[in-house]
């Protein structure tokens, strides 16, 4: 059990945690707000949202610490 916890801690760095949280947040935003009736536009809007959100959170989180 302790090996599994240690393995998870080594795999879950701050950058990966930020990526995971912003990915889920961007999916929720895209699912609830973006209705372009084309997959391509919605995918581009989702990726742009994820990029901007991830950059903002990384800037704030990594600057502090």
Protein backbone atom coordinates (compact mmCIF):
# COMPACT_ATOMS: atom_id res chain seq x y z
CA UNK A 1 0.00 0.00 0.00
CA UNK A 2 2.77 2.44 0.85
CA UNK A 3 4.43 1.66 -2.47
CA UNK A 4 1.28 2.69 -4.33
CA UNK A 5 1.02 5.94 -2.40
CA UNK A 6 4.68 6.70 -2.98
CA UNK A 7 4.30 5.95 -6.68
CA UNK A 8 1.29 8.25 -6.99
CA UNK A 9 3.13 11.05 -5.20
CA UNK A 10 6.08 10.78 -7.56
CA UNK A 11 3.83 10.78 -10.62
CA UNK A 12 1.61 13.64 -9.45
CA UNK A 13 3.77 16.72 -9.66
CA UNK A 14 2.46 20.26 -9.36
CA UNK A 15 2.46 20.73 -13.13
CA UNK A 16 0.51 17.52 -13.73
CA UNK A 17 -1.99 18.40 -11.01
CA UNK A 18 -2.52 21.79 -12.62
CA UNK A 19 -2.97 20.14 -16.03
CA UNK A 20 -5.53 17.69 -14.65
CA UNK A 21 -7.57 20.30 -12.79
CA UNK A 22 -7.60 22.74 -15.70
CA UNK A 23 -8.50 19.93 -18.13
CA UNK A 24 -11.56 18.96 -16.11
CA UNK A 25 -12.55 22.61 -15.62
CA UNK A 26 -12.20 23.32 -19.33
CA UNK A 27 -14.29 20.27 -20.21
CA UNK A 28 -17.05 21.48 -17.89
CA UNK A 29 -16.93 24.99 -19.34
CA UNK A 30 -16.94 23.71 -22.92
CA UNK A 31 -19.79 21.30 -22.23
CA UNK A 32 -22.00 23.91 -20.62
CA UNK A 33 -21.22 27.05 -22.63
CA UNK A 34 -20.03 26.22 -26.14
CA UNK A 35 -22.76 25.37 -28.63
CA UNK A 36 -21.42 26.02 -32.11
CA UNK A 37 -23.13 23.00 -33.73
CA UNK A 38 -19.84 21.92 -35.28
CA UNK A 39 -17.34 19.63 -33.65
CA UNK A 40 -14.35 21.50 -35.04
CA UNK A 41 -15.28 24.87 -33.56
CA UNK A 42 -16.17 23.35 -30.21
CA UNK A 43 -12.89 21.42 -30.11
CA UNK A 44 -10.90 24.54 -30.95
CA UNK A 45 -12.77 26.55 -28.32
CA UNK A 46 -12.16 23.82 -25.72
CA UNK A 47 -8.44 23.67 -26.51
CA UNK A 48 -8.15 27.47 -26.39
CA UNK A 49 -9.96 27.53 -23.05
CA UNK A 50 -7.67 24.85 -21.65
CA UNK A 51 -4.55 26.62 -22.89
CA UNK A 52 -5.50 30.00 -21.44
CA UNK A 53 -6.74 28.58 -18.15
CA UNK A 54 -3.67 26.37 -17.75
CA UNK A 55 -1.31 29.25 -18.53
CA UNK A 56 -3.04 31.52 -16.01
CA UNK A 57 -3.06 28.92 -13.24
CA UNK A 58 0.56 27.95 -13.90
CA UNK A 59 1.60 31.59 -13.83
CA UNK A 60 -0.06 32.15 -10.47
CA UNK A 61 0.92 28.83 -8.88
CA UNK A 62 4.51 28.66 -10.02
CA UNK A 63 5.17 32.31 -9.33
CA UNK A 64 4.24 31.89 -5.67
CA UNK A 65 6.10 28.86 -5.14
